[in-house]
Protein backbone atom coordinates (compact mmCIF):
# COMPACT_ATOMS: atom_id res chain seq x y z
CA UNK A 1 0.12 -0.35 -0.37
CA UNK A 2 2.69 2.28 1.02
CA UNK A 3 5.04 1.92 -2.36
CA UNK A 4 1.41 2.36 -4.70
CA UNK A 5 1.38 5.32 -2.82
CA UNK A 6 4.87 5.89 -2.91
CA UNK A 7 3.99 5.39 -6.85
CA UNK A 8 0.97 7.90 -6.85
CA UNK A 9 2.41 10.32 -5.46
CA UNK A 10 5.50 10.60 -7.84
CA UNK A 11 3.59 10.21 -10.93
CA UNK A 12 1.33 13.65 -9.96
CA UNK A 13 5.06 15.65 -8.97
CA UNK A 14 5.48 18.59 -12.06
CA UNK A 15 9.32 19.14 -12.17
CA UNK A 16 8.81 22.78 -13.76
CA UNK A 17 10.85 24.30 -16.54
CA UNK A 18 11.61 27.20 -14.81
CA UNK A 19 13.74 28.63 -18.29
CA UNK A 20 10.77 28.03 -20.79
CA UNK A 21 8.55 29.92 -18.69
CA UNK A 22 10.57 32.72 -17.61
CA UNK A 23 9.77 35.74 -20.55
CA UNK A 24 5.82 35.48 -18.73
CA UNK A 25 7.09 34.87 -15.51
CA UNK A 26 9.79 37.56 -15.43
CA UNK A 27 7.25 40.34 -16.98
CA UNK A 28 5.02 39.03 -13.73
CA UNK A 29 7.61 39.54 -11.34
CA UNK A 30 8.61 43.23 -12.75
CA UNK A 31 4.49 44.02 -12.15
CA UNK A 32 4.93 42.72 -8.48
CA UNK A 33 7.82 44.68 -8.10
CA UNK A 34 6.54 47.92 -9.48
CA UNK A 35 3.99 47.82 -7.30
CA UNK A 36 5.63 47.46 -4.45
CA UNK A 37 7.93 49.99 -5.44
CA UNK A 38 5.07 52.87 -5.88
CA UNK A 39 4.72 52.35 -1.87
CA UNK A 40 7.93 53.81 -1.57
CA UNK A 41 9.31 55.82 -3.93
CA UNK A 42 8.12 59.69 -3.35
CA UNK A 43 6.35 61.86 -6.32
CA UNK A 44 9.27 63.08 -7.36
CA UNK A 45 11.16 59.84 -8.17
CA UNK A 46 8.48 58.44 -9.63
CA UNK A 47 10.02 58.40 -13.29
CA UNK A 48 11.93 55.38 -12.26
CA UNK A 49 8.87 52.48 -12.26
CA UNK A 50 9.05 53.38 -15.97
CA UNK A 51 12.65 52.28 -16.72
CA UNK A 52 11.91 49.68 -13.83
CA UNK A 53 9.50 48.64 -16.08
CA UNK A 54 11.15 48.66 -19.08
CA UNK A 55 14.08 47.21 -17.58
CA UNK A 56 11.64 43.97 -17.03
CA UNK A 57 10.58 44.27 -20.30
CA UNK A 58 13.82 43.78 -21.86
CA UNK A 59 14.72 40.78 -19.21
CA UNK A 60 12.09 38.89 -20.00
CA UNK A 61 12.88 39.45 -23.72
CA UNK A 62 16.51 38.50 -23.50
CA UNK A 63 15.10 35.18 -21.32
CA UNK A 64 13.90 34.21 -25.32
CA UNK A 65 17.88 33.41 -26.15
CA UNK A 66 18.21 30.08 -24.67
CA UNK A 67 14.66 28.94 -25.80
CA UNK A 68 15.88 29.46 -28.80
CA UNK A 69 17.77 25.94 -29.33
CA UNK A 70 14.45 23.90 -28.74
CA UNK A 71 11.19 23.28 -28.54
CA UNK A 72 10.82 22.61 -24.65
CA UNK A 73 7.30 21.46 -22.49
CA UNK A 74 6.41 21.98 -18.89
CA UNK A 75 3.49 21.15 -16.96
CA UNK A 76 2.70 17.99 -18.71
CA UNK A 77 0.15 15.03 -17.60
CA UNK A 78 2.69 11.82 -16.07
CA UNK A 79 0.27 9.42 -17.35
CA UNK A 80 -1.72 8.25 -20.45
CA UNK A 81 -0.58 10.10 -23.94
CA UNK A 82 1.66 12.56 -24.05
CA UNK A 83 -0.07 16.14 -23.40
CA UNK A 84 1.63 19.07 -21.96
CA UNK A 85 -0.01 22.71 -21.23
CA UNK A 86 2.82 24.88 -21.65
CA UNK A 87 5.08 24.83 -25.00
CA UNK A 88 7.93 26.63 -25.81
CA UNK A 89 7.93 26.40 -29.97
CA UNK A 90 9.02 28.46 -32.40
CA UNK A 91 5.86 29.76 -33.10
CA UNK A 92 5.37 30.40 -29.03
CA UNK A 93 9.33 32.52 -29.04
CA UNK A 94 8.08 34.67 -32.14
CA UNK A 95 5.11 35.57 -30.98
CA UNK A 96 5.90 36.86 -27.32
CA UNK A 97 9.00 38.44 -28.98
CA UNK A 98 6.21 40.45 -30.50
CA UNK A 99 4.34 41.28 -27.76
CA UNK A 100 6.98 41.96 -25.51
CA UNK A 101 8.71 43.81 -28.20
CA UNK A 102 5.87 45.67 -28.51
CA UNK A 103 4.83 46.73 -24.61
CA UNK A 104 8.45 47.76 -24.59
CA UNK A 105 7.64 50.12 -27.35
CA UNK A 106 4.46 50.94 -25.74
CA UNK A 107 6.39 51.64 -22.09
CA UNK A 108 8.42 53.91 -24.07
CA UNK A 109 5.41 56.02 -25.18
CA UNK A 110 4.11 56.29 -22.21
CA UNK A 111 6.39 58.45 -20.28
CA UNK A 112 5.11 61.56 -22.25
CA UNK A 113 1.83 60.24 -21.69
CA UNK A 114 1.97 59.98 -17.37
CA UNK A 115 3.31 63.35 -17.75
CA UNK A 116 0.84 65.53 -19.58
CA UNK A 117 -1.94 63.02 -18.13
CA UNK A 118 -0.98 63.13 -14.91
CA UNK A 119 -1.59 59.09 -14.80
CA UNK A 120 -1.22 57.38 -11.80
CA UNK A 121 2.55 55.69 -13.11
CA UNK A 122 2.48 53.13 -10.73
CA UNK A 123 -0.46 52.22 -11.48
CA UNK A 124 0.33 52.61 -15.34
CA UNK A 125 3.30 50.20 -15.41
CA UNK A 126 2.06 47.29 -13.16
CA UNK A 127 -1.41 47.14 -15.35
CA UNK A 128 1.00 47.27 -17.97
CA UNK A 129 3.15 44.47 -17.76
CA UNK A 130 0.34 42.46 -15.62
CA UNK A 131 -1.46 42.42 -19.19
CA UNK A 132 2.09 41.87 -20.68
CA UNK A 133 2.22 38.36 -18.54
CA UNK A 134 -1.06 36.93 -19.76
CA UNK A 135 0.40 38.18 -23.55
CA UNK A 136 3.33 36.01 -22.86
CA UNK A 137 1.48 33.33 -21.83
CA UNK A 138 -1.31 32.91 -24.19
CA UNK A 139 1.21 31.73 -27.23
CA UNK A 140 2.67 28.79 -25.38
CA UNK A 141 -0.54 27.76 -23.92
CA UNK A 142 -1.78 23.84 -24.74
CA UNK A 143 -4.71 23.71 -23.25
CA UNK A 144 -7.93 25.15 -23.12
CA UNK A 145 -8.18 26.07 -19.04
CA UNK A 146 -4.47 28.14 -20.16
CA UNK A 147 -5.95 30.25 -22.84
CA UNK A 148 -8.58 31.80 -21.11
CA UNK A 149 -7.04 32.58 -17.87
CA UNK A 150 -4.10 34.23 -20.15
CA UNK A 151 -6.62 35.51 -22.28
CA UNK A 152 -8.46 36.87 -19.53
CA UNK A 153 -4.72 37.86 -17.44
CA UNK A 154 -3.92 39.58 -20.84
CA UNK A 155 -7.80 41.49 -21.20
CA UNK A 156 -8.39 43.08 -17.46
CA UNK A 157 -5.82 45.11 -16.84
CA UNK A 158 -6.37 46.23 -19.94
CA UNK A 159 -9.71 46.82 -19.08
CA UNK A 160 -7.97 49.44 -16.27
CA UNK A 161 -5.78 51.12 -18.65
CA UNK A 162 -8.22 52.85 -21.22
CA UNK A 163 -10.07 54.02 -17.95
CA UNK A 164 -6.82 54.97 -15.97
CA UNK A 165 -7.87 59.09 -16.80
CA UNK A 166 -9.78 59.49 -13.75
CA UNK A 167 -12.66 62.33 -14.59
CA UNK A 168 -12.33 61.57 -18.12
CA UNK A 169 -15.73 61.21 -19.68
CA UNK A 170 -14.82 59.69 -22.87
CA UNK A 171 -12.06 57.73 -20.77
CA UNK A 172 -15.05 56.03 -18.57
CA UNK A 173 -17.42 55.51 -21.17
CA UNK A 174 -14.80 53.03 -23.58
CA UNK A 175 -13.12 51.37 -20.24
CA UNK A 176 -17.12 50.79 -20.25
CA UNK A 177 -17.40 49.46 -23.10
CA UNK A 178 -14.26 47.27 -24.06
CA UNK A 179 -15.14 45.26 -20.43
CA UNK A 180 -18.88 44.65 -21.70
CA UNK A 181 -18.27 43.90 -24.91
CA UNK A 182 -15.57 41.15 -23.54
CA UNK A 183 -16.88 39.93 -21.19
CA UNK A 184 -19.68 38.62 -23.35
CA UNK A 185 -17.54 37.82 -25.42
CA UNK A 186 -15.82 35.05 -22.67
CA UNK A 187 -18.87 34.56 -21.64
CA UNK A 188 -19.65 32.87 -25.54
CA UNK A 189 -16.40 31.67 -25.55
CA UNK A 190 -16.46 29.59 -22.25
CA UNK A 191 -19.80 28.04 -23.12
CA UNK A 192 -18.10 26.95 -26.25
CA UNK A 193 -15.00 25.20 -24.17
CA UNK A 194 -17.50 23.39 -22.15
CA UNK A 195 -18.98 22.13 -25.15
CA UNK A 196 -16.13 20.81 -26.43
CA UNK A 197 -15.13 19.09 -22.98
CA UNK A 198 -18.33 17.86 -23.00
CA UNK A 199 -17.79 15.64 -26.56
CA UNK A 200 -14.20 15.38 -26.10
CA UNK A 201 -13.45 14.80 -22.80
CA UNK A 202 -10.09 16.77 -23.14
CA UNK A 203 -8.61 20.45 -22.70
CA UNK A 204 -5.60 19.78 -23.85
CA UNK A 205 -5.44 20.86 -27.92
CA UNK A 206 -3.37 17.44 -29.21
CA UNK A 207 -6.30 15.21 -27.29
CA UNK A 208 -9.17 17.65 -28.67
CA UNK A 209 -7.78 16.87 -32.06
CA UNK A 210 -7.36 12.88 -31.79
CA UNK A 211 -10.96 12.92 -29.98
CA UNK A 212 -12.18 15.53 -32.55
CA UNK A 213 -11.76 12.84 -35.98
CA UNK A 214 -13.73 9.94 -34.31
CA UNK A 215 -16.36 12.10 -31.68
CA UNK A 216 -19.92 10.39 -31.62
CA UNK A 217 -22.06 10.98 -33.74
CA UNK A 218 -24.53 11.80 -31.15
CA UNK A 219 -22.17 14.16 -30.08
CA UNK A 220 -20.83 15.91 -33.22
CA UNK A 221 -23.87 18.96 -33.09
CA UNK A 222 -22.53 19.82 -29.75
CA UNK A 223 -18.85 19.27 -30.95
CA UNK A 224 -19.35 21.58 -33.76
CA UNK A 225 -21.61 24.17 -31.85
CA UNK A 226 -18.19 24.38 -29.39
CA UNK A 227 -15.80 24.84 -32.01
CA UNK A 228 -17.97 27.91 -33.40
CA UNK A 229 -18.49 29.09 -30.41
CA UNK A 230 -15.07 29.31 -28.90
CA UNK A 231 -13.78 31.33 -31.99
CA UNK A 232 -16.05 33.84 -31.20
CA UNK A 233 -13.97 34.88 -28.27
CA UNK A 234 -11.20 35.13 -29.84
CA UNK A 235 -13.02 37.02 -33.14
CA UNK A 236 -13.35 39.89 -30.93
CA UNK A 237 -9.82 40.00 -29.40
CA UNK A 238 -9.02 40.18 -33.75
CA UNK A 239 -11.63 43.21 -34.02
CA UNK A 240 -13.14 40.84 -36.92
CA UNK A 241 -16.74 42.06 -37.97
CA UNK A 242 -18.80 41.95 -36.62
CA UNK A 243 -16.94 42.01 -32.68
CA UNK A 244 -15.24 45.53 -33.67
CA UNK A 245 -17.90 47.46 -32.78
CA UNK A 246 -15.39 48.57 -29.96
CA UNK A 247 -12.72 49.41 -31.43
CA UNK A 248 -13.03 53.12 -32.09
CA UNK A 249 -14.31 54.23 -29.45
CA UNK A 250 -12.05 51.63 -27.02
CA UNK A 251 -8.89 53.34 -28.83
CA UNK A 252 -10.18 57.42 -28.54
CA UNK A 253 -11.38 57.73 -25.17
CA UNK A 254 -7.70 55.74 -24.16
CA UNK A 255 -4.31 56.89 -23.88
CA UNK A 256 -2.14 57.19 -26.98
CA UNK A 257 0.11 55.19 -25.68
CA UNK A 258 -2.93 52.14 -24.73
CA UNK A 259 -4.42 52.34 -27.21
CA UNK A 260 -1.07 51.52 -29.56
CA UNK A 261 -0.45 48.74 -27.38
CA UNK A 262 -4.30 47.47 -28.43
CA UNK A 263 -3.81 47.47 -31.97
CA UNK A 264 -0.57 45.60 -31.79
CA UNK A 265 -0.46 42.92 -28.42
CA UNK A 266 -4.08 42.65 -28.31
CA UNK A 267 -4.47 41.88 -32.10
CA UNK A 268 -1.06 39.15 -30.86
CA UNK A 269 -2.98 37.71 -28.57
CA UNK A 270 -6.29 37.24 -30.22
CA UNK A 271 -4.34 36.00 -33.13
CA UNK A 272 -2.01 33.68 -31.66
CA UNK A 273 -5.30 31.80 -29.51
CA UNK A 274 -7.20 31.83 -33.07
CA UNK A 275 -4.21 29.81 -34.82
CA UNK A 276 -3.78 27.77 -31.57
CA UNK A 277 -7.42 26.06 -31.15
CA UNK A 278 -8.24 26.24 -35.50
CA UNK A 279 -5.23 24.48 -36.38
CA UNK A 280 -3.60 22.38 -33.55
CA UNK A 281 -7.67 22.01 -31.36
CA UNK A 282 -9.93 21.59 -34.16
CA UNK A 283 -7.86 20.67 -37.97
CA UNK A 284 -10.58 18.10 -38.01
CA UNK A 285 -13.88 20.70 -38.37
CA UNK A 286 -11.44 22.44 -41.26
CA UNK A 287 -14.71 22.16 -43.05
CA UNK A 288 -16.73 24.29 -40.19
CA UNK A 289 -13.75 26.63 -38.79
CA UNK A 290 -11.85 27.75 -42.89
CA UNK A 291 -15.48 29.73 -45.00
CA UNK A 292 -16.25 31.21 -41.87
CA UNK A 293 -12.29 32.96 -40.75
CA UNK A 294 -12.71 33.64 -44.87
CA UNK A 295 -16.03 35.39 -44.46
CA UNK A 296 -14.85 36.83 -41.32
CA UNK A 297 -11.55 37.36 -43.24
CA UNK A 298 -13.53 39.94 -46.04
CA UNK A 299 -15.96 41.63 -43.85
CA UNK A 300 -13.18 42.76 -41.58
CA UNK A 301 -11.40 44.36 -43.93
CA UNK A 302 -14.12 45.82 -46.19
CA UNK A 303 -15.59 47.30 -43.12
CA UNK A 304 -12.50 48.68 -41.85
CA UNK A 305 -11.23 50.07 -44.60
CA UNK A 306 -14.92 51.42 -45.28
CA UNK A 307 -15.17 52.82 -41.99
CA UNK A 308 -11.66 55.08 -42.45
CA UNK A 309 -12.87 56.60 -45.72
CA UNK A 310 -15.34 58.48 -43.97
CA UNK A 311 -13.56 60.12 -41.56
CA UNK A 312 -13.93 63.76 -41.21
CA UNK A 313 -10.55 65.27 -41.39
CA UNK A 314 -11.59 68.49 -38.54
CA UNK A 315 -13.37 66.35 -36.53
CA UNK A 316 -11.70 65.68 -33.50
CA UNK A 317 -9.50 62.68 -32.71
CA UNK A 318 -9.81 62.00 -37.08
CA UNK A 319 -6.42 61.17 -36.70
CA UNK A 320 -6.77 58.07 -33.45
CA UNK A 321 -9.84 57.33 -35.43
CA UNK A 322 -8.11 56.42 -38.94
CA UNK A 323 -6.24 54.26 -37.51
CA UNK A 324 -8.39 51.89 -34.77
CA UNK A 325 -10.32 51.72 -38.50
CA UNK A 326 -7.07 51.17 -39.93
CA UNK A 327 -6.61 48.55 -37.62
CA UNK A 328 -9.69 46.67 -38.34
CA UNK A 329 -8.83 46.74 -41.72
CA UNK A 330 -5.06 44.86 -41.31
CA UNK A 331 -6.99 43.08 -38.75
CA UNK A 332 -8.92 41.55 -41.50
CA UNK A 333 -5.51 40.78 -44.27
CA UNK A 334 -4.37 39.01 -41.16
CA UNK A 335 -6.98 36.59 -41.08
CA UNK A 336 -6.87 35.74 -44.69
CA UNK A 337 -3.98 32.51 -44.07
CA UNK A 338 -5.61 31.40 -41.30
CA UNK A 339 -9.02 30.52 -43.89
CA UNK A 340 -6.08 29.44 -46.00
CA UNK A 341 -4.96 26.82 -43.26
CA UNK A 342 -8.78 25.61 -43.39
CA UNK A 343 -7.81 24.92 -46.59
CA UNK A 344 -4.67 23.37 -46.71
CA UNK A 345 -4.20 19.96 -48.41
CA UNK A 346 -1.47 18.79 -46.08
CA UNK A 347 -0.22 20.09 -42.86
CA UNK A 348 2.38 21.33 -44.81
CA UNK A 349 0.40 23.46 -46.76
CA UNK A 350 -1.18 24.99 -43.27
CA UNK A 351 2.00 25.44 -41.37
CA UNK A 352 3.37 27.73 -44.48
CA UNK A 353 -0.13 29.89 -44.14
CA UNK A 354 0.00 30.46 -40.72
CA UNK A 355 3.36 31.11 -40.95
CA UNK A 356 1.61 34.38 -43.18
CA UNK A 357 -0.13 35.31 -40.71
CA UNK A 358 3.07 35.91 -38.17
CA UNK A 359 5.21 37.74 -41.15
CA UNK A 360 2.69 40.43 -41.29
CA UNK A 361 2.44 40.61 -37.69
CA UNK A 362 5.78 41.39 -37.41
CA UNK A 363 5.36 43.78 -40.10
CA UNK A 364 2.48 45.48 -39.24
CA UNK A 365 3.40 45.30 -34.96
CA UNK A 366 6.79 48.02 -35.62
CA UNK A 367 4.69 50.14 -38.58
CA UNK A 368 1.60 50.70 -36.23
CA UNK A 369 3.56 51.67 -33.71
CA UNK A 370 5.53 53.83 -34.53
CA UNK A 371 2.70 55.39 -36.77
CA UNK A 372 0.94 55.44 -32.89
CA UNK A 373 4.35 57.19 -31.37
CA UNK A 374 3.65 60.04 -33.96
CA UNK A 375 0.84 60.67 -32.99
CA UNK A 376 0.97 60.82 -29.45
CA UNK A 377 3.80 62.97 -30.02
CA UNK A 378 1.80 65.56 -32.49
CA UNK A 379 -0.71 65.42 -29.00
CA UNK A 380 1.26 66.59 -27.09
CA UNK A 381 0.87 69.67 -29.04
CA UNK A 382 -2.83 69.60 -30.12
CA UNK A 383 -4.82 66.80 -28.13
CA UNK A 384 -7.39 66.64 -29.78
CA UNK A 385 -5.81 64.54 -32.46
CA UNK A 386 -7.45 65.49 -35.50
CA UNK A 387 -5.66 65.15 -38.83
CA UNK A 388 -5.85 68.48 -39.89
CA UNK A 389 -3.00 68.97 -36.94
CA UNK A 390 -0.69 66.74 -39.20
CA UNK A 391 -0.11 69.59 -41.94
CA UNK A 392 2.70 70.90 -42.47
CA UNK A 393 4.30 68.38 -40.36
CA UNK A 394 7.25 68.55 -42.12
CA UNK A 395 8.22 72.12 -42.22
CA UNK A 396 7.67 71.76 -38.66
CA UNK A 397 9.05 68.60 -37.09
CA UNK A 398 11.06 66.73 -40.59
CA UNK A 399 11.91 63.58 -39.30
CA UNK A 400 8.48 62.75 -37.61
CA UNK A 401 6.32 63.75 -40.47
CA UNK A 402 9.31 61.31 -42.49
CA UNK A 403 8.72 58.73 -40.33
CA UNK A 404 5.34 58.80 -40.31
CA UNK A 405 4.82 59.35 -44.06
CA UNK A 406 6.95 55.44 -43.76
CA UNK A 407 4.42 54.05 -41.50
CA UNK A 408 1.95 54.68 -43.62
CA UNK A 409 3.21 53.70 -46.63
CA UNK A 410 4.04 50.45 -45.60
CA UNK A 411 0.81 49.93 -44.04
CA UNK A 412 -0.42 50.78 -47.76
CA UNK A 413 1.66 48.80 -49.24
CA UNK A 414 3.49 51.09 -51.63
CA UNK A 415 7.69 51.62 -52.20
CA UNK A 416 9.58 52.89 -50.20
CA UNK A 417 8.13 50.61 -47.08
CA UNK A 418 8.38 47.36 -49.19
CA UNK A 419 8.29 45.58 -46.49
CA UNK A 420 4.27 46.83 -46.58
CA UNK A 421 4.25 45.12 -49.76
CA UNK A 422 6.04 42.26 -48.75
CA UNK A 423 3.61 40.84 -46.44
CA UNK A 424 0.51 41.44 -48.07
CA UNK A 425 2.00 40.03 -51.05
CA UNK A 426 2.33 36.95 -49.20
CA UNK A 427 -0.97 37.67 -47.86
CA UNK A 428 -2.41 37.46 -51.59
CA UNK A 429 -0.61 34.35 -52.37
CA UNK A 430 -1.49 32.47 -49.37
CA UNK A 431 -5.57 32.43 -50.44
CA UNK A 432 -3.85 32.12 -53.64
CA UNK A 433 -2.66 28.27 -53.27
CA UNK A 434 -5.63 27.94 -50.84
CA UNK A 435 -7.54 27.87 -53.65
CA UNK A 436 -9.53 31.08 -52.21
CA UNK A 437 -9.56 33.13 -55.45
CA UNK A 438 -12.65 35.45 -54.56
CA UNK A 439 -11.10 36.30 -50.78
CA UNK A 440 -7.89 37.91 -53.43
CA UNK A 441 -10.60 39.33 -54.95
CA UNK A 442 -12.22 41.53 -52.51
CA UNK A 443 -8.16 41.34 -50.64
CA UNK A 444 -7.20 42.91 -53.72
CA UNK A 445 -9.83 46.00 -53.73
CA UNK A 446 -9.53 46.89 -50.65
CA UNK A 447 -6.31 47.32 -50.59
CA UNK A 448 -6.76 49.68 -53.50
CA UNK A 449 -9.17 51.46 -51.79
CA UNK A 450 -7.07 51.54 -48.32
CA UNK A 451 -4.46 53.51 -50.63
CA UNK A 452 -6.95 56.44 -50.69
CA UNK A 453 -6.88 57.91 -47.33
CA UNK A 454 -3.23 56.63 -46.50
CA UNK A 455 -2.06 58.82 -49.59
CA UNK A 456 -4.41 61.60 -48.08
CA UNK A 457 -2.68 61.82 -44.39
CA UNK A 458 0.93 61.56 -46.20
CA UNK A 459 0.60 63.74 -48.88
CA UNK A 460 -0.71 65.98 -45.79
CA UNK A 461 2.45 65.89 -43.68
CA UNK A 462 4.13 67.79 -46.71
CA UNK A 463 1.45 70.65 -47.62
CA UNK A 464 1.70 73.94 -46.74
CA UNK A 465 0.69 74.21 -43.01
CA UNK A 466 -2.33 76.66 -42.66
CA UNK A 467 -4.63 77.55 -39.63
CA UNK A 468 -7.50 74.60 -39.35
CA UNK A 469 -10.84 76.51 -39.71
CA UNK A 470 -14.36 75.27 -38.18
CA UNK A 471 -12.98 72.52 -36.63
CA UNK A 472 -14.54 70.81 -33.51
CA UNK A 473 -13.22 71.76 -30.56
CA UNK A 474 -11.32 68.63 -28.05
CA UNK A 475 -13.69 67.71 -25.96
CA UNK A 476 -12.67 69.56 -22.43
CA UNK A 477 -13.04 66.70 -20.18
CA UNK A 478 -9.26 65.60 -18.16
CA UNK A 479 -7.71 67.60 -21.26
CA UNK A 480 -4.19 69.43 -20.53
CA UNK A 481 -3.51 73.26 -22.20
CA UNK A 482 -1.44 72.37 -24.69
CA UNK A 483 1.86 73.25 -24.35
CA UNK A 484 4.06 75.99 -26.02
CA UNK A 485 5.01 75.31 -29.52
CA UNK A 486 8.62 73.10 -29.46
CA UNK A 487 8.46 72.30 -25.60
CA UNK A 488 6.79 69.36 -25.73
CA UNK A 489 9.83 68.25 -27.52
CA UNK A 490 12.36 69.33 -25.48
CA UNK A 491 11.29 68.05 -22.32
CA UNK A 492 13.28 64.97 -21.02
CA UNK A 493 10.35 62.28 -20.58
CA UNK A 494 9.42 63.21 -24.90
CA UNK A 495 13.42 61.71 -25.43
CA UNK A 496 11.56 57.95 -24.80
CA UNK A 497 9.27 58.98 -26.82
CA UNK A 498 11.63 59.96 -29.25
CA UNK A 499 13.39 56.85 -29.19
CA UNK A 500 10.53 54.33 -29.96
CA UNK A 501 10.01 56.46 -33.35
CA UNK A 502 13.23 55.91 -33.92
CA UNK A 503 13.21 52.27 -33.05
CA UNK A 504 10.02 51.01 -35.11
CA UNK A 505 11.42 53.28 -37.91
CA UNK A 506 14.69 51.43 -38.23
CA UNK A 507 13.28 48.13 -37.75
CA UNK A 508 10.74 48.77 -40.57
CA UNK A 509 13.57 50.14 -43.09
CA UNK A 510 15.63 47.27 -42.28
CA UNK A 511 12.96 44.78 -43.08
CA UNK A 512 12.52 46.54 -46.48
CA UNK A 513 15.60 46.49 -47.29
CA UNK A 514 16.15 42.33 -46.68
CA UNK A 515 11.72 41.50 -46.43
CA UNK A 516 12.30 37.80 -46.98
CA UNK A 517 13.76 37.77 -43.08
CA UNK A 518 10.82 38.38 -41.56
CA UNK A 519 8.74 35.27 -43.67
CA UNK A 520 11.90 33.15 -42.76
CA UNK A 521 11.97 34.11 -39.33
CA UNK A 522 7.97 33.26 -39.19
CA UNK A 523 7.24 30.40 -41.11
CA UNK A 524 8.77 27.72 -38.74
CA UNK A 525 5.44 27.76 -36.57
CA UNK A 526 3.59 25.48 -34.48
CA UNK A 527 2.59 22.65 -36.87
């Protein structure tokens, strides 16, 4: 009896691979350290919390280097078929690099916003690090329970970040809308997860994939419903139509760095989760999710571009709204290769399609964060952040104007933004190779439509400056008085913002010089 008990106890003991879980763990510990340090630092020293957070994110990103040697797994089942809850493979490392790099750049954008908007530094950095830890955990998750937990750990701090401007009506409304929409989507997703568990008897993605190949015919409808409902939660995170309605108001109400974070890291969370559940857990139901994702892709890119075209340049916050609707359209492009994976004839073809999504996500993260960085810079002197505020930017700030022009051309897919063109061609090829000719045509038309508003904004940067007449006043709630021209740039806390613009520009230019490196880096995915 004692021997049996000892054997059972031994089989239940988990040997945790701390190196594998180091990136999200370091981010989480850095968040706790910042929270504790905030209790003891005087007000004049609060800026040190930001540098501590940046150091924590940089250390978490450096922890990815030892994991490049090979796949590592932990939290595995000790009996029966081999299945693990956490896997650090190439796909995981690429997405964690994107998430931690995006969070680090967001941190650099945030120094000036914390100063201008009088945001509580301790709470801000703790929430940012906590969300980044959850976002870094999600791509490594290999069971539905861990996926849901990681998704919520990434999302809950984001609600608070959006509503952190106390007393600001727009910020509170945006946070409430974001929260209610997300909670509804999560509830639907949990219902789907419970259906999948009932049909398969497992939460591990690999076991679910095996069980769905020979599911009881009486449970087939339940399994199909579970697949569809599970996808809803991740479709919300990717801002796919019709789950996109929270995006423009949330981006406008949030501080600009938080909007940048949601547009890049929030999307990385949604897309990595969507890839995991579709390609790893539900490959045998590709005939269900493949067409659904294809339709979502077509609707999302079309709705996003149509709404972006309707933005009035003189409207308050029209620049952020345009970036918000642009991010919706870009989400449509990112969905195309995932749909193509559902029509792939082999695992190798599906892996190649997923590599296209990851490559596009890396390009989009760099240039979209750069565009938001310039928007944050302009917001320091023009809090309303209208498109008309960018007229003549080249005359006042040539480097910022050139950088924003480059970022917009990358998003449009035009030279010299070669990386944007390369990424769009890669996604287009994935659709054609999968036989989704109609989706490729829809994408091509949308790319042409998007050229109008990207080029219109780019041209505005180089026009002669003139005062905007009849512009709508920006809401007064929570707004800070605009600093004198040039004063914002000279202030010390603008240096990290300038560094963020420079870093994203350098990355964009480097990738445009060697775009094949992105696809090569992303092609070795989880399959």
